[in-house]
Amino acid sequence: MKPVKREGSPFWWYDFVVNGKRYRGSTKRYISDKDSAQRYIAELYSRKLNQSQFGEKPEITLQDAFDKIIKSVGVNTQPVYQSMARKWTGTTFRKDGRWHLEPYMLLSELQAWHLEDHREERLDEGMKPNSINLEVSFMRSVVKGLKNQYNVPLDLDFPMLKRFVRRRYLSDSEESMILDRLSLGTPEATHARDLAIFLMDTGVRVGEGLNSRWADLDLKREVFEVYRSKTKSMSIVPLSPRTLDVLNRRHNQIRPFADMDRPIRLLRKVIHDVCDADVKVVEQRGSAVIHSLRDTYASRRLRDGMTLAELAKLLGHTHESMSAKYGHLENNHVVEKARKMAGW
């Protein structure tokens, strides 16, 4: 299996047969780098042979997946892709050292809430929708580019942001309808309902809720000590009576919210079905996602009279300016307060 030259191409090519199936293509390695081309072909041959014999695609870490995609593009595109990769695994692209995904998690473990959380995080930082879309497109390219070689999540959607993006929070009636639809008595629906209440009444991000441990929850003091992986800081949020009921019922679980893949999919579907049925509402207020539960928490605390500075502490924002996106909700509270003071 030696590299072969193809007339007119600056790259080495591979051409081999495994169990009667021919594989032929470019190594994307220049003619001047024959050693690298040989290693690429040997790895590819071994992978195709394993797939043919065992039928299962191998796993790959996020970092290795990024490296493969970066190497597969031209030298002019590689710096752009390297920048995109850092923005997903995040060890160098921010001054405060925050990251979103661990470089060594498996690509097959990537879930829709990771994408939603990343999108909301970038919006928090003031990133423009077009720039966020580029990052999402990069991740989509990684998944699609490796789907024939490795075990990847094939059912993921990669929705693009529109230029105009509103912070979507749920009305009281929307919350009631969501919880009612999850009151089916099945384990999956019960887990989804419990998670919805927990997220809506603590304001934590989905990942923070899923990664919570019993050691983080002081049910006697009725508080949740949240580790904010994005900012490497701790914050404390109070637990509502109904959240305490949820946690007391779930105390037989190894973690408060373990093995939640199917419940999360159900919760996402119910939120969409309830909140996005009216086209006019979506146009005016935006689509609802699981992260909308966090926005709902923020809107209610402002409605209760909390300041943006106080809200920032509860949400784990490092700067009050990150909570400024909820300023229009604070204005609504001021309007209502003025109306009551005027006796209207």
C-alpha atoms as a PDB file:
ATOM      1  CA  MET A   1       0.000   0.000   0.000  1.00  0.00           C
ATOM      2  CA  LYS A   2       2.351   2.633  -1.217  1.00  0.00           C
ATOM      3  CA  PRO A   3       1.270   6.208  -1.928  1.00  0.00           C
ATOM      4  CA  VAL A   4       0.565   6.801  -5.597  1.00  0.00           C
ATOM      5  CA  LYS A   5       0.847   9.908  -7.682  1.00  0.00           C
ATOM      6  CA  ARG A   6      -1.971  11.248  -9.786  1.00  0.00           C
ATOM      7  CA  GLU A   7      -1.325  13.477 -12.754  1.00  0.00           C
ATOM      8  CA  GLY A   8      -2.138  17.089 -12.004  1.00  0.00           C
ATOM      9  CA  SER A   9      -2.541  16.575  -8.237  1.00  0.00           C
ATOM     10  CA  PRO A  10      -0.092  18.018  -5.685  1.00  0.00           C
ATOM     11  CA  PHE A  11      -1.077  15.279  -3.183  1.00  0.00           C
ATOM     12  CA  TRP A  12      -0.280  11.613  -2.710  1.00  0.00           C
ATOM     13  CA  TRP A  13      -3.241   9.292  -3.326  1.00  0.00           C
ATOM     14  CA  TYR A  14      -4.230   5.916  -1.860  1.00  0.00           C
ATOM     15  CA  ASP A  15      -5.636   2.958  -3.771  1.00  0.00           C
ATOM     16  CA  PHE A  16      -6.314  -0.350  -2.011  1.00  0.00           C
ATOM     17  CA  VAL A  17      -8.915  -3.120  -1.711  1.00  0.00           C
ATOM     18  CA  VAL A  18     -10.458  -4.530   1.486  1.00  0.00           C
ATOM     19  CA  ASN A  19     -12.761  -7.570   1.186  1.00  0.00           C
ATOM     20  CA  GLY A  20     -13.448  -6.845  -2.448  1.00  0.00           C
ATOM     21  CA  LYS A  21     -14.217  -3.146  -1.944  1.00  0.00           C
ATOM     22  CA  ARG A  22     -11.888  -0.614  -3.526  1.00  0.00           C
ATOM     23  CA  TYR A  23     -10.892   2.551  -1.677  1.00  0.00           C
ATOM     24  CA  ARG A  24      -9.287   5.334  -3.675  1.00  0.00           C
ATOM     25  CA  GLY A  25      -8.773   8.997  -2.869  1.00  0.00           C
ATOM     26  CA  SER A  26      -6.419  11.797  -1.954  1.00  0.00           C
ATOM     27  CA  THR A  27      -4.404  11.720   1.261  1.00  0.00           C
ATOM     28  CA  LYS A  28      -4.323  15.550   1.298  1.00  0.00           C
ATOM     29  CA  ARG A  29      -0.574  15.166   1.950  1.00  0.00           C
ATOM     30  CA  TYR A  30       1.739  16.965  -0.424  1.00  0.00           C
ATOM     31  CA  ILE A  31       4.187  15.097  -2.659  1.00  0.00           C
ATOM     32  CA  SER A  32       7.022  16.487  -0.548  1.00  0.00           C
ATOM     33  CA  ASP A  33       5.625  14.711   2.562  1.00  0.00           C
ATOM     34  CA  LYS A  34       5.634  11.033   1.581  1.00  0.00           C
ATOM     35  CA  ASP A  35       6.166   9.734   5.143  1.00  0.00           C
ATOM     36  CA  SER A  36       3.001  11.456   6.351  1.00  0.00           C
ATOM     37  CA  ALA A  37       1.076  10.074   3.368  1.00  0.00           C
ATOM     38  CA  GLN A  38       2.252   6.531   4.159  1.00  0.00           C
ATOM     39  CA  ARG A  39       1.145   6.853   7.797  1.00  0.00           C
ATOM     40  CA  TYR A  40      -2.228   8.184   6.657  1.00  0.00           C
ATOM     41  CA  ILE A  41      -2.755   5.272   4.269  1.00  0.00           C
ATOM     42  CA  ALA A  42      -1.709   2.703   6.890  1.00  0.00           C
ATOM     43  CA  GLU A  43      -4.167   4.169   9.405  1.00  0.00           C
ATOM     44  CA  LEU A  44      -6.949   4.310   6.830  1.00  0.00           C
ATOM     45  CA  TYR A  45      -6.332   0.720   5.719  1.00  0.00           C
ATOM     46  CA  SER A  46      -6.353  -0.508   9.320  1.00  0.00           C
ATOM     47  CA  ARG A  47      -9.605   1.341  10.018  1.00  0.00           C
ATOM     48  CA  LYS A  48     -11.337  -0.035   6.932  1.00  0.00           C
ATOM     49  CA  LEU A  49     -10.111  -3.528   7.737  1.00  0.00           C
ATOM     50  CA  ASN A  50     -11.452  -3.316  11.312  1.00  0.00           C
ATOM     51  CA  GLN A  51     -14.792  -2.002  10.113  1.00  0.00           C
ATOM     52  CA  SER A  52     -15.039  -4.785   7.573  1.00  0.00           C
ATOM     53  CA  GLN A  53     -14.211  -7.498  10.111  1.00  0.00           C
ATOM     54  CA  PHE A  54     -16.056  -6.233  13.178  1.00  0.00           C
ATOM     55  CA  GLY A  55     -18.729  -3.972  11.712  1.00  0.00           C
ATOM     56  CA  GLU A  56     -18.391  -1.374  14.483  1.00  0.00           C
ATOM     57  CA  LYS A  57     -16.962   2.059  13.924  1.00  0.00           C
ATOM     58  CA  PRO A  58     -14.224   3.118  16.329  1.00  0.00           C
ATOM     59  CA  GLU A  59     -14.568   5.962  18.817  1.00  0.00           C
ATOM     60  CA  ILE A  60     -12.668   9.225  18.500  1.00  0.00           C
ATOM     61  CA  THR A  61     -12.122  12.071  20.947  1.00  0.00           C
ATOM     62  CA  LEU A  62     -13.220  15.579  20.168  1.00  0.00           C
ATOM     63  CA  GLN A  63      -9.651  16.831  19.962  1.00  0.00           C
ATOM     64  CA  ASP A  64      -8.550  14.046  17.615  1.00  0.00           C
ATOM     65  CA  ALA A  65     -11.626  14.657  15.477  1.00  0.00           C
ATOM     66  CA  PHE A  66     -10.759  18.344  15.210  1.00  0.00           C
ATOM     67  CA  ASP A  67      -7.166  17.504  14.296  1.00  0.00           C
ATOM     68  CA  LYS A  68      -8.296  15.179  11.509  1.00  0.00           C
ATOM     69  CA  ILE A  69     -10.666  17.740  10.018  1.00  0.00           C
ATOM     70  CA  ILE A  70      -8.019  20.452  10.228  1.00  0.00           C
ATOM     71  CA  LYS A  71      -5.531  18.243   8.384  1.00  0.00           C
ATOM     72  CA  SER A  72      -8.121  17.432   5.717  1.00  0.00           C
ATOM     73  CA  VAL A  73      -8.461  21.028   4.493  1.00  0.00           C
ATOM     74  CA  GLY A  74      -6.065  23.264   2.592  1.00  0.00           C
ATOM     75  CA  VAL A  75      -3.273  25.143   4.317  1.00  0.00           C
ATOM     76  CA  ASN A  76      -5.086  28.454   3.911  1.00  0.00           C
ATOM     77  CA  THR A  77      -8.181  27.133   5.691  1.00  0.00           C
ATOM     78  CA  GLN A  78      -6.334  25.359   8.499  1.00  0.00           C
ATOM     79  CA  PRO A  79      -5.758  28.484  10.690  1.00  0.00           C
ATOM     80  CA  VAL A  80      -9.489  29.253  10.537  1.00  0.00           C
ATOM     81  CA  TYR A  81     -10.398  25.691  11.546  1.00  0.00           C
ATOM     82  CA  GLN A  82      -7.800  25.732  14.321  1.00  0.00           C
ATOM     83  CA  SER A  83      -9.416  28.872  15.698  1.00  0.00           C
ATOM     84  CA  MET A  84     -12.863  27.254  15.520  1.00  0.00           C
ATOM     85  CA  ALA A  85     -11.582  24.160  17.337  1.00  0.00           C
ATOM     86  CA  ARG A  86     -10.188  26.294  20.169  1.00  0.00           C
ATOM     87  CA  LYS A  87     -13.527  28.043  20.510  1.00  0.00           C
ATOM     88  CA  TRP A  88     -15.221  24.720  21.174  1.00  0.00           C
ATOM     89  CA  THR A  89     -12.680  23.189  23.541  1.00  0.00           C
ATOM     90  CA  GLY A  90     -11.660  26.616  24.750  1.00  0.00           C
ATOM     91  CA  THR A  91      -8.341  26.363  26.610  1.00  0.00           C
ATOM     92  CA  THR A  92      -6.739  29.384  24.946  1.00  0.00           C
ATOM     93  CA  PHE A  93      -9.275  31.555  23.184  1.00  0.00           C
ATOM     94  CA  ARG A  94     -10.610  33.365  26.279  1.00  0.00           C
ATOM     95  CA  LYS A  95      -8.709  35.466  28.772  1.00  0.00           C
ATOM     96  CA  ASP A  96     -10.604  33.989  31.718  1.00  0.00           C
ATOM     97  CA  GLY A  97      -9.689  30.435  30.713  1.00  0.00           C
ATOM     98  CA  ARG A  98     -13.224  29.131  30.349  1.00  0.00           C
ATOM     99  CA  TRP A  99     -14.065  26.150  28.206  1.00  0.00           C
ATOM    100  CA  HIS A 100     -17.256  24.538  27.024  1.00  0.00           C
ATOM    101  CA  LEU A 101     -16.384  20.975  26.009  1.00  0.00           C
ATOM    102  CA  GLU A 102     -13.605  18.761  27.297  1.00  0.00           C
ATOM    103  CA  PRO A 103     -11.063  18.063  24.509  1.00  0.00           C
ATOM    104  CA  TYR A 104     -10.958  14.361  25.378  1.00  0.00           C
ATOM    105  CA  MET A 105     -14.676  13.628  25.501  1.00  0.00           C
ATOM    106  CA  LEU A 106     -15.823  11.234  22.786  1.00  0.00           C
ATOM    107  CA  LEU A 107     -17.362  12.768  19.694  1.00  0.00           C
ATOM    108  CA  SER A 108     -20.177  10.212  19.995  1.00  0.00           C
ATOM    109  CA  GLU A 109     -21.124  11.807  23.342  1.00  0.00           C
ATOM    110  CA  LEU A 110     -21.945  15.141  21.740  1.00  0.00           C
ATOM    111  CA  GLN A 111     -25.592  16.029  22.372  1.00  0.00           C
ATOM    112  CA  ALA A 112     -28.014  18.740  21.299  1.00  0.00           C
ATOM    113  CA  TRP A 113     -27.840  20.487  24.649  1.00  0.00           C
ATOM    114  CA  HIS A 114     -24.072  20.928  24.191  1.00  0.00           C
ATOM    115  CA  LEU A 115     -24.830  22.879  21.016  1.00  0.00           C
ATOM    116  CA  GLU A 116     -27.575  24.910  22.679  1.00  0.00           C
ATOM    117  CA  ASP A 117     -25.381  25.701  25.669  1.00  0.00           C
ATOM    118  CA  HIS A 118     -22.504  26.781  23.442  1.00  0.00           C
ATOM    119  CA  ARG A 119     -24.806  29.019  21.429  1.00  0.00           C
ATOM    120  CA  GLU A 120     -26.213  30.699  24.538  1.00  0.00           C
ATOM    121  CA  GLU A 121     -22.745  31.153  26.011  1.00  0.00           C
ATOM    122  CA  ARG A 122     -21.535  32.913  22.887  1.00  0.00           C
ATOM    123  CA  LEU A 123     -24.640  35.116  22.868  1.00  0.00           C
ATOM    124  CA  ASP A 124     -23.874  36.009  26.488  1.00  0.00           C
ATOM    125  CA  GLU A 125     -20.459  37.199  25.368  1.00  0.00           C
ATOM    126  CA  GLY A 126     -21.998  39.489  22.760  1.00  0.00           C
ATOM    127  CA  MET A 127     -21.014  37.364  19.766  1.00  0.00           C
ATOM    128  CA  LYS A 128     -22.908  38.119  16.568  1.00  0.00           C
ATOM    129  CA  PRO A 129     -25.206  35.399  15.185  1.00  0.00           C
ATOM    130  CA  ASN A 130     -23.178  35.085  11.977  1.00  0.00           C
ATOM    131  CA  SER A 131     -20.009  34.392  13.957  1.00  0.00           C
ATOM    132  CA  ILE A 132     -21.791  31.816  16.102  1.00  0.00           C
ATOM    133  CA  ASN A 133     -23.132  30.168  12.954  1.00  0.00           C
ATOM    134  CA  LEU A 134     -19.571  29.724  11.697  1.00  0.00           C
ATOM    135  CA  GLU A 135     -18.663  27.845  14.861  1.00  0.00           C
ATOM    136  CA  VAL A 136     -21.750  25.640  14.582  1.00  0.00           C
ATOM    137  CA  SER A 137     -20.975  24.989  10.914  1.00  0.00           C
ATOM    138  CA  PHE A 138     -17.480  23.876  11.869  1.00  0.00           C
ATOM    139  CA  MET A 139     -18.844  21.345  14.353  1.00  0.00           C
ATOM    140  CA  ARG A 140     -21.306  20.126  11.742  1.00  0.00           C
ATOM    141  CA  SER A 141     -18.418  19.653   9.309  1.00  0.00           C
ATOM    142  CA  VAL A 142     -16.554  17.606  11.918  1.00  0.00           C
ATOM    143  CA  VAL A 143     -19.507  15.276  12.528  1.00  0.00           C
ATOM    144  CA  LYS A 144     -20.392  14.858   8.866  1.00  0.00           C
ATOM    145  CA  GLY A 145     -16.780  14.560   7.788  1.00  0.00           C
ATOM    146  CA  LEU A 146     -16.101  11.649  10.132  1.00  0.00           C
ATOM    147  CA  LYS A 147     -19.445   9.820  10.058  1.00  0.00           C
ATOM    148  CA  ASN A 148     -18.172   7.157   7.649  1.00  0.00           C
ATOM    149  CA  GLN A 149     -15.064   6.439   9.690  1.00  0.00           C
ATOM    150  CA  TYR A 150     -15.992   6.853  13.348  1.00  0.00           C
ATOM    151  CA  ASN A 151     -18.870   6.535  15.765  1.00  0.00           C
ATOM    152  CA  VAL A 152     -20.555   9.949  15.669  1.00  0.00           C
ATOM    153  CA  PRO A 153     -24.014  11.243  16.728  1.00  0.00           C
ATOM    154  CA  LEU A 154     -25.997  10.938  13.513  1.00  0.00           C
ATOM    155  CA  ASP A 155     -29.282  12.392  14.786  1.00  0.00           C
ATOM    156  CA  LEU A 156     -28.012  15.860  15.711  1.00  0.00           C
ATOM    157  CA  ASP A 157     -29.447  18.985  14.149  1.00  0.00           C
ATOM    158  CA  PHE A 158     -27.260  22.049  13.760  1.00  0.00           C
ATOM    159  CA  PRO A 159     -29.733  24.954  13.678  1.00  0.00           C
ATOM    160  CA  MET A 160     -28.404  28.309  12.542  1.00  0.00           C
ATOM    161  CA  LEU A 161     -29.233  31.533  14.330  1.00  0.00           C
ATOM    162  CA  LYS A 162     -31.154  34.274  12.600  1.00  0.00           C
ATOM    163  CA  ARG A 163     -29.744  37.779  12.685  1.00  0.00           C
ATOM    164  CA  PHE A 164     -32.476  38.895  15.069  1.00  0.00           C
ATOM    165  CA  VAL A 165     -32.400  36.875  18.274  1.00  0.00           C
ATOM    166  CA  ARG A 166     -34.624  37.423  21.278  1.00  0.00           C
ATOM    167  CA  ARG A 167     -34.209  36.006  24.750  1.00  0.00           C
ATOM    168  CA  ARG A 168     -37.110  33.608  25.067  1.00  0.00           C
ATOM    169  CA  TYR A 169     -38.744  33.078  28.435  1.00  0.00           C
ATOM    170  CA  LEU A 170     -41.858  31.086  29.256  1.00  0.00           C
ATOM    171  CA  SER A 171     -45.146  32.513  30.410  1.00  0.00           C
ATOM    172  CA  ASP A 172     -46.889  31.020  33.423  1.00  0.00           C
ATOM    173  CA  SER A 173     -49.422  29.326  31.156  1.00  0.00           C
ATOM    174  CA  GLU A 174     -46.669  27.824  28.972  1.00  0.00           C
ATOM    175  CA  GLU A 175     -44.991  26.411  32.065  1.00  0.00           C
ATOM    176  CA  SER A 176     -48.262  24.863  33.232  1.00  0.00           C
ATOM    177  CA  MET A 177     -48.880  23.248  29.847  1.00  0.00           C
ATOM    178  CA  ILE A 178     -45.345  21.828  29.693  1.00  0.00           C
ATOM    179  CA  LEU A 179     -45.572  20.313  33.169  1.00  0.00           C
ATOM    180  CA  ASP A 180     -49.054  18.969  32.465  1.00  0.00           C
ATOM    181  CA  ARG A 181     -47.849  17.192  29.309  1.00  0.00           C
ATOM    182  CA  LEU A 182     -45.040  15.630  31.319  1.00  0.00           C
ATOM    183  CA  SER A 183     -47.432  14.342  33.997  1.00  0.00           C
ATOM    184  CA  LEU A 184     -47.856  11.003  32.247  1.00  0.00           C
ATOM    185  CA  GLY A 185     -46.568   8.782  35.015  1.00  0.00           C
ATOM    186  CA  THR A 186     -43.913   7.122  32.819  1.00  0.00           C
ATOM    187  CA  PRO A 187     -40.312   7.160  34.114  1.00  0.00           C
ATOM    188  CA  GLU A 188     -39.129   9.130  31.084  1.00  0.00           C
ATOM    189  CA  ALA A 189     -41.787  11.823  31.493  1.00  0.00           C
ATOM    190  CA  THR A 190     -41.253  11.995  35.264  1.00  0.00           C
ATOM    191  CA  HIS A 191     -37.498  12.516  34.826  1.00  0.00           C
ATOM    192  CA  ALA A 192     -38.124  15.194  32.172  1.00  0.00           C
ATOM    193  CA  ARG A 193     -40.638  16.982  34.431  1.00  0.00           C
ATOM    194  CA  ASP A 194     -38.257  16.881  37.407  1.00  0.00           C
ATOM    195  CA  LEU A 195     -35.431  18.326  35.326  1.00  0.00           C
ATOM    196  CA  ALA A 196     -37.667  21.094  33.940  1.00  0.00           C
ATOM    197  CA  ILE A 197     -38.659  22.163  37.468  1.00  0.00           C
ATOM    198  CA  PHE A 198     -35.054  22.005  38.660  1.00  0.00           C
ATOM    199  CA  LEU A 199     -33.739  24.152  35.785  1.00  0.00           C
ATOM    200  CA  MET A 200     -36.607  26.649  35.948  1.00  0.00           C
ATOM    201  CA  ASP A 201     -36.339  27.132  39.711  1.00  0.00           C
ATOM    202  CA  THR A 202     -32.526  27.304  39.975  1.00  0.00           C
ATOM    203  CA  GLY A 203     -31.620  29.046  36.710  1.00  0.00           C
ATOM    204  CA  VAL A 204     -28.618  26.795  36.155  1.00  0.00           C
ATOM    205  CA  ARG A 205     -27.501  25.744  32.689  1.00  0.00           C
ATOM    206  CA  VAL A 206     -28.433  22.296  31.450  1.00  0.00           C
ATOM    207  CA  GLY A 207     -24.901  20.969  31.815  1.00  0.00           C
ATOM    208  CA  GLU A 208     -24.644  22.317  35.364  1.00  0.00           C
ATOM    209  CA  GLY A 209     -27.878  20.570  36.276  1.00  0.00           C
ATOM    210  CA  LEU A 210     -26.863  17.255  34.720  1.00  0.00           C
ATOM    211  CA  ASN A 211     -23.439  17.347  36.370  1.00  0.00           C
ATOM    212  CA  SER A 212     -24.797  18.221  39.816  1.00  0.00           C
ATOM    213  CA  ARG A 213     -23.937  15.874  42.685  1.00  0.00           C
ATOM    214  CA  TRP A 214     -25.680  15.205  45.965  1.00  0.00           C
ATOM    215  CA  ALA A 215     -22.682  16.751  47.711  1.00  0.00           C
ATOM    216  CA  ASP A 216     -23.501  20.040  45.967  1.00  0.00           C
ATOM    217  CA  LEU A 217     -27.044  20.105  47.363  1.00  0.00           C
ATOM    218  CA  ASP A 218     -27.675  21.069  50.968  1.00  0.00           C
ATOM    219  CA  LEU A 219     -31.311  20.116  51.469  1.00  0.00           C
ATOM    220  CA  LYS A 220     -31.308  21.318  55.077  1.00  0.00           C
ATOM    221  CA  ARG A 221     -30.097  24.795  54.193  1.00  0.00           C
ATOM    222  CA  GLU A 222     -32.123  24.561  50.957  1.00  0.00           C
ATOM    223  CA  VAL A 223     -29.295  25.732  48.696  1.00  0.00           C
ATOM    224  CA  PHE A 224     -27.410  24.446  45.657  1.00  0.00           C
ATOM    225  CA  GLU A 225     -23.683  25.170  45.468  1.00  0.00           C
ATOM    226  CA  VAL A 226     -23.068  25.357  41.729  1.00  0.00           C
ATOM    227  CA  TYR A 227     -19.628  24.958  40.201  1.00  0.00           C
ATOM    228  CA  ARG A 228     -19.537  27.155  37.111  1.00  0.00           C
ATOM    229  CA  SER A 229     -17.125  25.355  34.798  1.00  0.00           C
ATOM    230  CA  LYS A 230     -17.234  28.261  32.359  1.00  0.00           C
ATOM    231  CA  THR A 231     -15.846  30.716  34.895  1.00  0.00           C
ATOM    232  CA  LYS A 232     -14.196  28.260  37.311  1.00  0.00           C
ATOM    233  CA  SER A 233     -16.146  29.770  40.170  1.00  0.00           C
ATOM    234  CA  MET A 234     -18.799  28.801  42.710  1.00  0.00           C
ATOM    235  CA  SER A 235     -22.178  30.374  43.266  1.00  0.00           C
ATOM    236  CA  ILE A 236     -25.048  29.544  45.575  1.00  0.00           C
ATOM    237  CA  VAL A 237     -28.693  29.488  44.535  1.00  0.00           C
ATOM    238  CA  PRO A 238     -31.721  28.834  46.738  1.00  0.00           C
ATOM    239  CA  LEU A 239     -33.914  25.770  46.283  1.00  0.00           C
ATOM    240  CA  SER A 240     -37.646  26.276  45.926  1.00  0.00           C
ATOM    241  CA  PRO A 241     -40.139  24.074  47.827  1.00  0.00           C
ATOM    242  CA  ARG A 242     -41.092  22.166  44.681  1.00  0.00           C
ATOM    243  CA  THR A 243     -37.417  21.659  43.787  1.00  0.00           C
ATOM    244  CA  LEU A 244     -36.868  20.191  47.249  1.00  0.00           C
ATOM    245  CA  ASP A 245     -39.776  17.824  46.633  1.00  0.00           C
ATOM    246  CA  VAL A 246     -38.172  16.739  43.353  1.00  0.00           C
ATOM    247  CA  LEU A 247     -34.786  16.123  44.975  1.00  0.00           C
ATOM    248  CA  ASN A 248     -36.247  14.220  47.918  1.00  0.00           C
ATOM    249  CA  ARG A 249     -38.038  11.886  45.487  1.00  0.00           C
ATOM    250  CA  ARG A 250     -34.857  11.318  43.477  1.00  0.00           C
ATOM    251  CA  HIS A 251     -32.590  10.508  46.391  1.00  0.00           C
ATOM    252  CA  ASN A 252     -32.315   6.884  45.286  1.00  0.00           C
ATOM    253  CA  GLN A 253     -30.399   8.024  42.148  1.00  0.00           C
ATOM    254  CA  ILE A 254     -26.593   7.935  42.046  1.00  0.00           C
ATOM    255  CA  ARG A 255     -26.763  11.584  40.988  1.00  0.00           C
ATOM    256  CA  PRO A 256     -29.768  13.893  40.999  1.00  0.00           C
ATOM    257  CA  PHE A 257     -30.051  13.685  37.212  1.00  0.00           C
ATOM    258  CA  ALA A 258     -28.232  10.645  35.869  1.00  0.00           C
ATOM    259  CA  ASP A 259     -28.959   8.935  32.515  1.00  0.00           C
ATOM    260  CA  MET A 260     -31.119  11.758  31.174  1.00  0.00           C
ATOM    261  CA  ASP A 261     -30.621  11.397  27.410  1.00  0.00           C
ATOM    262  CA  ARG A 262     -34.160  10.216  26.624  1.00  0.00           C
ATOM    263  CA  PRO A 263     -35.891  12.553  29.126  1.00  0.00           C
ATOM    264  CA  ILE A 264     -34.006  15.515  27.655  1.00  0.00           C
ATOM    265  CA  ARG A 265     -35.179  14.634  24.162  1.00  0.00           C
ATOM    266  CA  LEU A 266     -38.737  14.411  25.445  1.00  0.00           C
ATOM    267  CA  LEU A 267     -38.444  17.716  27.311  1.00  0.00           C
ATOM    268  CA  ARG A 268     -37.073  19.428  24.221  1.00  0.00           C
ATOM    269  CA  LYS A 269     -39.960  18.106  22.118  1.00  0.00           C
ATOM    270  CA  VAL A 270     -42.625  19.158  24.628  1.00  0.00           C
ATOM    271  CA  ILE A 271     -41.164  22.666  24.936  1.00  0.00           C
ATOM    272  CA  HIS A 272     -41.185  22.991  21.158  1.00  0.00           C
ATOM    273  CA  ASP A 273     -44.721  21.629  20.795  1.00  0.00           C
ATOM    274  CA  VAL A 274     -46.138  23.910  23.488  1.00  0.00           C
ATOM    275  CA  CYS A 275     -44.220  27.134  22.870  1.00  0.00           C
ATOM    276  CA  ASP A 276     -43.606  27.194  19.127  1.00  0.00           C
ATOM    277  CA  ALA A 277     -47.065  26.270  17.858  1.00  0.00           C
ATOM    278  CA  ASP A 278     -48.065  29.899  17.300  1.00  0.00           C
ATOM    279  CA  VAL A 279     -46.049  31.364  14.404  1.00  0.00           C
ATOM    280  CA  LYS A 280     -46.724  34.942  15.499  1.00  0.00           C
ATOM    281  CA  VAL A 281     -45.417  34.255  18.994  1.00  0.00           C
ATOM    282  CA  VAL A 282     -42.225  32.745  17.549  1.00  0.00           C
ATOM    283  CA  GLU A 283     -41.741  35.775  15.290  1.00  0.00           C
ATOM    284  CA  GLN A 284     -42.194  38.167  18.193  1.00  0.00           C
ATOM    285  CA  ARG A 285     -40.433  36.292  21.004  1.00  0.00           C
ATOM    286  CA  GLY A 286     -38.274  33.674  19.286  1.00  0.00           C
ATOM    287  CA  SER A 287     -38.262  29.885  19.512  1.00  0.00           C
ATOM    288  CA  ALA A 288     -38.179  28.194  22.904  1.00  0.00           C
ATOM    289  CA  VAL A 289     -35.418  25.732  23.847  1.00  0.00           C
ATOM    290  CA  ILE A 290     -34.319  24.107  27.095  1.00  0.00           C
ATOM    291  CA  HIS A 291     -32.115  27.136  27.810  1.00  0.00           C
ATOM    292  CA  SER A 292     -35.353  29.167  27.883  1.00  0.00           C
ATOM    293  CA  LEU A 293     -35.922  27.688  31.350  1.00  0.00           C
ATOM    294  CA  ARG A 294     -32.865  29.633  32.537  1.00  0.00           C
ATOM    295  CA  ASP A 295     -34.180  32.798  30.884  1.00  0.00           C
ATOM    296  CA  THR A 296     -37.516  32.174  32.591  1.00  0.00           C
ATOM    297  CA  TYR A 297     -35.776  32.027  35.970  1.00  0.00           C
ATOM    298  CA  ALA A 298     -34.040  35.337  35.227  1.00  0.00           C
ATOM    299  CA  SER A 299     -37.234  37.050  34.095  1.00  0.00           C
ATOM    300  CA  ARG A 300     -39.068  35.997  37.242  1.00  0.00           C
ATOM    301  CA  ARG A 301     -36.341  37.188  39.583  1.00  0.00           C
ATOM    302  CA  LEU A 302     -36.416  40.598  37.893  1.00  0.00           C
ATOM    303  CA  ARG A 303     -40.192  40.589  38.105  1.00  0.00           C
ATOM    304  CA  ASP A 304     -39.822  39.972  41.843  1.00  0.00           C
ATOM    305  CA  GLY A 305     -37.727  43.129  42.150  1.00  0.00           C
ATOM    306  CA  MET A 306     -34.171  41.780  41.949  1.00  0.00           C
ATOM    307  CA  THR A 307     -31.520  44.057  40.410  1.00  0.00           C
ATOM    308  CA  LEU A 308     -29.319  43.074  37.490  1.00  0.00           C
ATOM    309  CA  ALA A 309     -26.286  43.028  39.797  1.00  0.00           C
ATOM    310  CA  GLU A 310     -28.030  40.593  42.157  1.00  0.00           C
ATOM    311  CA  LEU A 311     -29.226  38.487  39.235  1.00  0.00           C
ATOM    312  CA  ALA A 312     -25.678  38.261  37.872  1.00  0.00           C
ATOM    313  CA  LYS A 313     -24.550  36.581  41.102  1.00  0.00           C
ATOM    314  CA  LEU A 314     -27.329  34.004  40.937  1.00  0.00           C
ATOM    315  CA  LEU A 315     -26.694  33.222  37.266  1.00  0.00           C
ATOM    316  CA  GLY A 316     -22.934  32.895  37.775  1.00  0.00           C
ATOM    317  CA  HIS A 317     -22.085  35.765  35.425  1.00  0.00           C
ATOM    318  CA  THR A 318     -18.613  37.182  35.961  1.00  0.00           C
ATOM    319  CA  HIS A 319     -19.747  40.647  34.909  1.00  0.00           C
ATOM    320  CA  GLU A 320     -23.019  42.451  35.450  1.00  0.00           C
ATOM    321  CA  SER A 321     -22.950  43.392  31.757  1.00  0.00           C
ATOM    322  CA  MET A 322     -23.585  39.729  30.883  1.00  0.00           C
ATOM    323  CA  SER A 323     -26.979  40.046  32.599  1.00  0.00           C
ATOM    324  CA  ALA A 324     -27.808  43.248  30.698  1.00  0.00           C
ATOM    325  CA  LYS A 325     -29.601  41.167  28.064  1.00  0.00           C
ATOM    326  CA  TYR A 326     -32.440  40.914  30.583  1.00  0.00           C
ATOM    327  CA  GLY A 327     -32.611  44.690  30.914  1.00  0.00           C
ATOM    328  CA  HIS A 328     -35.865  44.947  28.948  1.00  0.00           C
ATOM    329  CA  LEU A 329     -37.455  42.662  31.534  1.00  0.00           C
ATOM    330  CA  GLU A 330     -36.260  44.920  34.322  1.00  0.00           C
ATOM    331  CA  ASN A 331     -37.808  47.832  32.432  1.00  0.00           C
ATOM    332  CA  ASN A 332     -41.121  45.958  32.366  1.00  0.00           C
ATOM    333  CA  HIS A 333     -40.953  45.685  36.144  1.00  0.00           C
ATOM    334  CA  VAL A 334     -40.286  49.416  36.473  1.00  0.00           C
ATOM    335  CA  VAL A 335     -43.261  50.183  34.240  1.00  0.00           C
ATOM    336  CA  GLU A 336     -45.571  48.059  36.377  1.00  0.00           C
ATOM    337  CA  LYS A 337     -44.219  49.611  39.560  1.00  0.00           C
ATOM    338  CA  ALA A 338     -44.851  53.105  38.157  1.00  0.00           C
ATOM    339  CA  ARG A 339     -48.382  52.081  37.174  1.00  0.00           C
ATOM    340  CA  LYS A 340     -49.156  50.876  40.712  1.00  0.00           C
ATOM    341  CA  MET A 341     -47.645  53.966  42.322  1.00  0.00           C
ATOM    342  CA  ALA A 342     -49.778  56.160  40.077  1.00  0.00           C
ATOM    343  CA  GLY A 343     -52.867  54.171  40.988  1.00  0.00           C
ATOM    344  CA  TRP A 344     -53.680  53.345  37.341  1.00  0.00           C
END
